[in-house]
C-alpha atoms as a PDB file:
ATOM      1  CA  UNK A   1     -12.342 -12.244  15.769  1.00  0.00           C
ATOM      2  CA  UNK A   2     -13.761  -9.305  13.513  1.00  0.00           C
ATOM      3  CA  UNK A   3     -12.331 -10.385  10.008  1.00  0.00           C
ATOM      4  CA  UNK A   4     -13.200  -6.765   9.461  1.00  0.00           C
ATOM      5  CA  UNK A   5     -13.576  -3.473  11.535  1.00  0.00           C
ATOM      6  CA  UNK A   6     -14.694   0.041  10.302  1.00  0.00           C
ATOM      7  CA  UNK A   7     -12.355   2.788   9.719  1.00  0.00           C
ATOM      8  CA  UNK A   8     -12.322   5.463  11.561  1.00  0.00           C
ATOM      9  CA  UNK A   9     -13.468   8.493   9.822  1.00  0.00           C
ATOM     10  CA  UNK A  10     -10.559  11.229   8.421  1.00  0.00           C
ATOM     11  CA  UNK A  11     -12.261  13.843   9.329  1.00  0.00           C
ATOM     12  CA  UNK A  12     -14.954  15.249  12.002  1.00  0.00           C
ATOM     13  CA  UNK A  13     -18.467  15.818  11.214  1.00  0.00           C
ATOM     14  CA  UNK A  14     -19.153  18.920  10.738  1.00  0.00           C
ATOM     15  CA  UNK A  15     -16.199  18.666   7.862  1.00  0.00           C
ATOM     16  CA  UNK A  16     -17.635  18.574   4.781  1.00  0.00           C
ATOM     17  CA  UNK A  17     -20.602  20.691   5.577  1.00  0.00           C
ATOM     18  CA  UNK A  18     -23.011  22.010   4.100  1.00  0.00           C
ATOM     19  CA  UNK A  19     -22.715  20.025   1.169  1.00  0.00           C
ATOM     20  CA  UNK A  20     -22.985  17.238   3.639  1.00  0.00           C
ATOM     21  CA  UNK A  21     -24.522  17.596   6.867  1.00  0.00           C
ATOM     22  CA  UNK A  22     -22.776  16.699  10.635  1.00  0.00           C
ATOM     23  CA  UNK A  23     -26.042  14.387  11.365  1.00  0.00           C
ATOM     24  CA  UNK A  24     -25.358  12.525   7.643  1.00  0.00           C
ATOM     25  CA  UNK A  25     -22.036  12.009   8.354  1.00  0.00           C
ATOM     26  CA  UNK A  26     -22.541  10.519  11.657  1.00  0.00           C
ATOM     27  CA  UNK A  27     -25.477   8.264  10.798  1.00  0.00           C
ATOM     28  CA  UNK A  28     -24.215   7.183   7.671  1.00  0.00           C
ATOM     29  CA  UNK A  29     -20.579   6.426   9.097  1.00  0.00           C
ATOM     30  CA  UNK A  30     -21.719   5.047  12.423  1.00  0.00           C
ATOM     31  CA  UNK A  31     -24.845   3.595  11.406  1.00  0.00           C
ATOM     32  CA  UNK A  32     -24.723   2.189   8.274  1.00  0.00           C
ATOM     33  CA  UNK A  33     -21.322   1.816   7.497  1.00  0.00           C
ATOM     34  CA  UNK A  34     -21.817  -0.365  10.660  1.00  0.00           C
ATOM     35  CA  UNK A  35     -23.855  -1.958   9.600  1.00  0.00           C
ATOM     36  CA  UNK A  36     -22.374  -3.605   6.435  1.00  0.00           C
ATOM     37  CA  UNK A  37     -19.184  -4.784   8.642  1.00  0.00           C
ATOM     38  CA  UNK A  38     -21.752  -7.041  10.861  1.00  0.00           C
ATOM     39  CA  UNK A  39     -23.174  -7.777   7.974  1.00  0.00           C
ATOM     40  CA  UNK A  40     -19.756  -9.124   6.867  1.00  0.00           C
ATOM     41  CA  UNK A  41     -18.849 -10.993   9.019  1.00  0.00           C
ATOM     42  CA  UNK A  42     -21.962 -12.259  10.139  1.00  0.00           C
ATOM     43  CA  UNK A  43     -22.218 -14.347   6.900  1.00  0.00           C
ATOM     44  CA  UNK A  44     -18.225 -15.559   7.057  1.00  0.00           C
ATOM     45  CA  UNK A  45     -19.600 -17.202  10.556  1.00  0.00           C
ATOM     46  CA  UNK A  46     -22.854 -18.396   8.662  1.00  0.00           C
ATOM     47  CA  UNK A  47     -20.325 -19.803   6.133  1.00  0.00           C
ATOM     48  CA  UNK A  48     -17.575 -21.612   8.051  1.00  0.00           C
ATOM     49  CA  UNK A  49     -20.705 -22.965  10.369  1.00  0.00           C
ATOM     50  CA  UNK A  50     -21.416 -24.459   7.018  1.00  0.00           C
ATOM     51  CA  UNK A  51     -18.719 -25.807   5.930  1.00  0.00           C
ATOM     52  CA  UNK A  52     -17.950 -27.116   9.401  1.00  0.00           C
ATOM     53  CA  UNK A  53     -21.443 -29.024   9.224  1.00  0.00           C
ATOM     54  CA  UNK A  54     -21.972 -29.686   5.371  1.00  0.00           C
ATOM     55  CA  UNK A  55     -25.081 -27.843   5.070  1.00  0.00           C
ATOM     56  CA  UNK A  56     -25.371 -25.495   2.113  1.00  0.00           C
ATOM     57  CA  UNK A  57     -28.567 -25.143   1.565  1.00  0.00           C
ATOM     58  CA  UNK A  58     -27.967 -21.291   2.108  1.00  0.00           C
ATOM     59  CA  UNK A  59     -25.596 -20.916  -0.284  1.00  0.00           C
ATOM     60  CA  UNK A  60     -26.615 -19.183  -2.803  1.00  0.00           C
ATOM     61  CA  UNK A  61     -28.208 -16.663   0.681  1.00  0.00           C
ATOM     62  CA  UNK A  62     -25.312 -16.213   1.859  1.00  0.00           C
ATOM     63  CA  UNK A  63     -22.338 -15.868  -0.536  1.00  0.00           C
ATOM     64  CA  UNK A  64     -25.100 -12.831  -1.998  1.00  0.00           C
ATOM     65  CA  UNK A  65     -25.265 -11.907   1.547  1.00  0.00           C
ATOM     66  CA  UNK A  66     -21.421 -10.799   1.528  1.00  0.00           C
ATOM     67  CA  UNK A  67     -20.953  -9.353  -1.565  1.00  0.00           C
ATOM     68  CA  UNK A  68     -23.686  -7.258  -0.392  1.00  0.00           C
ATOM     69  CA  UNK A  69     -21.673  -6.788   3.104  1.00  0.00           C
ATOM     70  CA  UNK A  70     -18.815  -6.398   2.332  1.00  0.00           C
ATOM     71  CA  UNK A  71     -18.593  -4.619  -1.522  1.00  0.00           C
ATOM     72  CA  UNK A  72     -21.092  -1.641   1.190  1.00  0.00           C
ATOM     73  CA  UNK A  73     -18.135  -1.762   3.015  1.00  0.00           C
ATOM     74  CA  UNK A  74     -14.694  -1.422   0.657  1.00  0.00           C
ATOM     75  CA  UNK A  75     -16.722   0.840  -0.799  1.00  0.00           C
ATOM     76  CA  UNK A  76     -17.843   3.153   1.632  1.00  0.00           C
ATOM     77  CA  UNK A  77     -14.629   3.023   3.133  1.00  0.00           C
ATOM     78  CA  UNK A  78     -12.908   4.504  -0.105  1.00  0.00           C
ATOM     79  CA  UNK A  79     -16.017   7.210   0.025  1.00  0.00           C
ATOM     80  CA  UNK A  80     -14.922   8.658   2.987  1.00  0.00           C
ATOM     81  CA  UNK A  81     -11.092   9.531   2.077  1.00  0.00           C
ATOM     82  CA  UNK A  82     -12.381  10.490  -1.215  1.00  0.00           C
ATOM     83  CA  UNK A  83     -13.301  13.742   0.165  1.00  0.00           C
ATOM     84  CA  UNK A  84     -12.199  16.119   2.356  1.00  0.00           C
ATOM     85  CA  UNK A  85     -13.474  20.176   3.050  1.00  0.00           C
ATOM     86  CA  UNK A  86     -11.118  21.481   0.651  1.00  0.00           C
ATOM     87  CA  UNK A  87     -11.297  20.184  -1.727  1.00  0.00           C
ATOM     88  CA  UNK A  88     -13.802  20.466  -5.409  1.00  0.00           C
ATOM     89  CA  UNK A  89     -12.817  22.227  -8.725  1.00  0.00           C
ATOM     90  CA  UNK A  90     -10.824  19.541 -10.627  1.00  0.00           C
ATOM     91  CA  UNK A  91      -7.124  17.306 -10.911  1.00  0.00           C
ATOM     92  CA  UNK A  92      -5.060  19.744 -12.658  1.00  0.00           C
ATOM     93  CA  UNK A  93      -0.371  19.421 -12.523  1.00  0.00           C
ATOM     94  CA  UNK A  94      -0.036  22.305 -10.519  1.00  0.00           C
ATOM     95  CA  UNK A  95      -1.862  21.037  -7.467  1.00  0.00           C
ATOM     96  CA  UNK A  96       0.533  17.399  -8.262  1.00  0.00           C
ATOM     97  CA  UNK A  97      -1.624  15.777  -9.589  1.00  0.00           C
ATOM     98  CA  UNK A  98      -1.330  15.895 -13.239  1.00  0.00           C
ATOM     99  CA  UNK A  99      -1.472  12.665 -14.564  1.00  0.00           C
ATOM    100  CA  UNK A 100      -5.307  11.884 -12.938  1.00  0.00           C
ATOM    101  CA  UNK A 101      -5.810  14.967 -15.076  1.00  0.00           C
ATOM    102  CA  UNK A 102      -4.308  13.351 -18.482  1.00  0.00           C
ATOM    103  CA  UNK A 103      -5.730  10.488 -17.328  1.00  0.00           C
ATOM    104  CA  UNK A 104      -8.640  11.790 -16.974  1.00  0.00           C
ATOM    105  CA  UNK A 105      -8.699  13.504 -20.636  1.00  0.00           C
ATOM    106  CA  UNK A 106      -7.809  10.233 -22.152  1.00  0.00           C
ATOM    107  CA  UNK A 107      -9.685   8.430 -21.142  1.00  0.00           C
ATOM    108  CA  UNK A 108     -13.102  10.785 -21.329  1.00  0.00           C
ATOM    109  CA  UNK A 109     -12.100  13.917 -23.715  1.00  0.00           C
ATOM    110  CA  UNK A 110     -11.970  15.878 -21.149  1.00  0.00           C
ATOM    111  CA  UNK A 111     -12.615  16.654 -17.491  1.00  0.00           C
ATOM    112  CA  UNK A 112     -15.910  18.316 -18.264  1.00  0.00           C
ATOM    113  CA  UNK A 113     -17.017  14.941 -20.858  1.00  0.00           C
ATOM    114  CA  UNK A 114     -16.080  12.866 -17.700  1.00  0.00           C
ATOM    115  CA  UNK A 115     -17.620  14.707 -14.802  1.00  0.00           C
ATOM    116  CA  UNK A 116     -20.666  14.653 -17.173  1.00  0.00           C
ATOM    117  CA  UNK A 117     -20.661  11.196 -17.601  1.00  0.00           C
ATOM    118  CA  UNK A 118     -20.074  10.751 -13.535  1.00  0.00           C
ATOM    119  CA  UNK A 119     -22.670  11.929 -12.933  1.00  0.00           C
ATOM    120  CA  UNK A 120     -25.784  11.110 -14.695  1.00  0.00           C
ATOM    121  CA  UNK A 121     -23.779   7.707 -13.981  1.00  0.00           C
ATOM    122  CA  UNK A 122     -24.235   7.799 -10.164  1.00  0.00           C
ATOM    123  CA  UNK A 123     -28.087   9.795 -10.771  1.00  0.00           C
ATOM    124  CA  UNK A 124     -29.540   7.322 -13.091  1.00  0.00           C
ATOM    125  CA  UNK A 125     -28.388   4.151 -11.412  1.00  0.00           C
ATOM    126  CA  UNK A 126     -32.134   2.669 -10.826  1.00  0.00           C
ATOM    127  CA  UNK A 127     -32.420   1.265  -7.173  1.00  0.00           C
ATOM    128  CA  UNK A 128     -29.968   2.028  -4.894  1.00  0.00           C
ATOM    129  CA  UNK A 129     -26.143   1.979  -6.574  1.00  0.00           C
ATOM    130  CA  UNK A 130     -22.891   3.983  -6.414  1.00  0.00           C
ATOM    131  CA  UNK A 131     -21.344   6.072 -10.122  1.00  0.00           C
ATOM    132  CA  UNK A 132     -18.133   4.778  -9.703  1.00  0.00           C
ATOM    133  CA  UNK A 133     -14.375   6.348 -11.637  1.00  0.00           C
ATOM    134  CA  UNK A 134     -12.934   3.190 -11.646  1.00  0.00           C
ATOM    135  CA  UNK A 135      -8.909   2.299 -13.176  1.00  0.00           C
ATOM    136  CA  UNK A 136      -9.541  -1.594 -16.053  1.00  0.00           C
ATOM    137  CA  UNK A 137      -6.344  -2.933 -16.037  1.00  0.00           C
ATOM    138  CA  UNK A 138      -6.707  -4.447 -19.718  1.00  0.00           C
ATOM    139  CA  UNK A 139      -6.642  -1.388 -21.781  1.00  0.00           C
ATOM    140  CA  UNK A 140      -5.052   0.671 -18.925  1.00  0.00           C
ATOM    141  CA  UNK A 141      -8.049   2.948 -18.767  1.00  0.00           C
ATOM    142  CA  UNK A 142     -10.252   4.820 -17.193  1.00  0.00           C
ATOM    143  CA  UNK A 143     -14.027   4.074 -16.896  1.00  0.00           C
ATOM    144  CA  UNK A 144     -17.404   5.026 -15.344  1.00  0.00           C
ATOM    145  CA  UNK A 145     -19.767   1.750 -13.716  1.00  0.00           C
ATOM    146  CA  UNK A 146     -22.989   1.853 -12.043  1.00  0.00           C
ATOM    147  CA  UNK A 147     -22.649  -0.324  -9.565  1.00  0.00           C
ATOM    148  CA  UNK A 148     -26.563  -1.493  -7.862  1.00  0.00           C
ATOM    149  CA  UNK A 149     -27.220  -2.292  -4.908  1.00  0.00           C
ATOM    150  CA  UNK A 150     -23.856  -2.787  -4.126  1.00  0.00           C
ATOM    151  CA  UNK A 151     -22.451  -5.198  -6.155  1.00  0.00           C
ATOM    152  CA  UNK A 152     -23.534  -5.824  -9.167  1.00  0.00           C
ATOM    153  CA  UNK A 153     -22.488  -4.876 -12.766  1.00  0.00           C
ATOM    154  CA  UNK A 154     -18.909  -4.352 -12.001  1.00  0.00           C
ATOM    155  CA  UNK A 155     -16.464  -4.233 -14.690  1.00  0.00           C
ATOM    156  CA  UNK A 156     -13.811  -7.961 -13.417  1.00  0.00           C
ATOM    157  CA  UNK A 157     -10.175  -6.830 -11.950  1.00  0.00           C
ATOM    158  CA  UNK A 158     -11.781  -2.608 -12.244  1.00  0.00           C
ATOM    159  CA  UNK A 159     -10.301  -0.556  -9.280  1.00  0.00           C
ATOM    160  CA  UNK A 160     -12.452   1.778  -8.222  1.00  0.00           C
ATOM    161  CA  UNK A 161     -10.640   5.414  -7.335  1.00  0.00           C
ATOM    162  CA  UNK A 162     -13.657   7.603  -6.705  1.00  0.00           C
ATOM    163  CA  UNK A 163     -16.545   6.799  -5.463  1.00  0.00           C
ATOM    164  CA  UNK A 164     -19.671   8.872  -5.801  1.00  0.00           C
ATOM    165  CA  UNK A 165     -22.360   7.065  -2.847  1.00  0.00           C
ATOM    166  CA  UNK A 166     -26.047   7.088  -4.378  1.00  0.00           C
ATOM    167  CA  UNK A 167     -27.893   5.742  -1.481  1.00  0.00           C
ATOM    168  CA  UNK A 168     -30.698   7.809  -0.127  1.00  0.00           C
ATOM    169  CA  UNK A 169     -29.045   7.626   3.440  1.00  0.00           C
ATOM    170  CA  UNK A 170     -26.292   9.267   1.903  1.00  0.00           C
ATOM    171  CA  UNK A 171     -28.341  12.152   1.338  1.00  0.00           C
ATOM    172  CA  UNK A 172     -32.248  12.318   1.709  1.00  0.00           C
ATOM    173  CA  UNK A 173     -31.906  13.375   5.663  1.00  0.00           C
ATOM    174  CA  UNK A 174     -30.874  16.490   3.276  1.00  0.00           C
ATOM    175  CA  UNK A 175     -31.336  16.902   0.216  1.00  0.00           C
ATOM    176  CA  UNK A 176     -34.709  15.241   0.329  1.00  0.00           C
ATOM    177  CA  UNK A 177     -35.368  12.751  -3.060  1.00  0.00           C
ATOM    178  CA  UNK A 178     -33.275  15.551  -5.576  1.00  0.00           C
ATOM    179  CA  UNK A 179     -30.651  12.741  -5.931  1.00  0.00           C
ATOM    180  CA  UNK A 180     -29.625  14.878  -8.623  1.00  0.00           C
ATOM    181  CA  UNK A 181     -28.883  17.944  -6.583  1.00  0.00           C
ATOM    182  CA  UNK A 182     -27.029  15.399  -4.061  1.00  0.00           C
ATOM    183  CA  UNK A 183     -24.598  14.959  -7.001  1.00  0.00           C
ATOM    184  CA  UNK A 184     -23.977  18.297  -8.319  1.00  0.00           C
ATOM    185  CA  UNK A 185     -22.973  19.162  -4.601  1.00  0.00           C
ATOM    186  CA  UNK A 186     -20.669  16.470  -4.620  1.00  0.00           C
ATOM    187  CA  UNK A 187     -17.939  17.868  -6.915  1.00  0.00           C
ATOM    188  CA  UNK A 188     -17.382  20.394  -4.126  1.00  0.00           C
ATOM    189  CA  UNK A 189     -15.809  18.489  -1.839  1.00  0.00           C
ATOM    190  CA  UNK A 190     -14.103  15.889  -4.587  1.00  0.00           C
ATOM    191  CA  UNK A 191     -10.505  14.894  -2.565  1.00  0.00           C
ATOM    192  CA  UNK A 192      -7.967  14.651  -6.147  1.00  0.00           C
ATOM    193  CA  UNK A 193      -4.987  13.785  -3.764  1.00  0.00           C
ATOM    194  CA  UNK A 194      -6.822  10.770  -2.618  1.00  0.00           C
ATOM    195  CA  UNK A 195      -8.150   9.966  -6.182  1.00  0.00           C
ATOM    196  CA  UNK A 196      -4.601  10.769  -7.883  1.00  0.00           C
ATOM    197  CA  UNK A 197      -2.734   7.973  -5.101  1.00  0.00           C
ATOM    198  CA  UNK A 198      -5.516   5.812  -5.941  1.00  0.00           C
ATOM    199  CA  UNK A 199      -4.460   6.078  -9.280  1.00  0.00           C
ATOM    200  CA  UNK A 200      -1.410   5.770  -9.087  1.00  0.00           C
ATOM    201  CA  UNK A 201      -1.866   2.215  -7.209  1.00  0.00           C
ATOM    202  CA  UNK A 202      -3.951   0.676  -9.359  1.00  0.00           C
ATOM    203  CA  UNK A 203      -1.886   1.036 -12.264  1.00  0.00           C
ATOM    204  CA  UNK A 204       1.346  -0.215 -10.320  1.00  0.00           C
ATOM    205  CA  UNK A 205      -0.608  -3.619  -9.769  1.00  0.00           C
ATOM    206  CA  UNK A 206      -1.676  -3.939 -13.721  1.00  0.00           C
ATOM    207  CA  UNK A 207      -0.297  -6.887 -14.075  1.00  0.00           C
ATOM    208  CA  UNK A 208      -2.196  -8.332 -11.056  1.00  0.00           C
ATOM    209  CA  UNK A 209      -4.961  -9.443 -12.980  1.00  0.00           C
ATOM    210  CA  UNK A 210      -4.124 -12.851 -14.940  1.00  0.00           C
ATOM    211  CA  UNK A 211      -5.781 -13.179 -18.072  1.00  0.00           C
ATOM    212  CA  UNK A 212      -3.565 -15.667 -19.708  1.00  0.00           C
ATOM    213  CA  UNK A 213      -0.947 -17.810 -18.070  1.00  0.00           C
END
């Protein structure tokens, strides 16, 4: 039985239009995300075979493949819920997400400064990658990260709560090579209710990272 499964979209293909076209959502979810799920499951089977046969000649490639596909699956699973057709703007106390708004202001100085940093981080990620707002449990602060090729340059123990997919498959059919335009448009569909729930959950689990016995 497969360990990982492709989650259903929380909305229909047209829900994020015109920011993201139905064609992109269908291709992105049904093909690209599905490929990461299959890749993770296939790699787990290959690792099991390596253990059974005690043959480790491919271990480096298999571990890299597992990191790549599993990170792709997890980040995309967050990505779909981070967006809504009724989203956008900024988190505000009147909308019930005041704790998140306060954390952003404390960690970055203001929402505008945070937005500028995540936009630039997403748009300038080298190669294929992501811009990520993450909860960093050691200091209890929010940080922005660039994730290269799914699995690289991630703070150990940090929890992603808002992710911007900057791979070409996320936007090229609609935005061509204008990645910056796509990232700017993404702010119109951010689901702050979902981000706030992820922030609260990450804070509750902050002590799970054991730095010393």
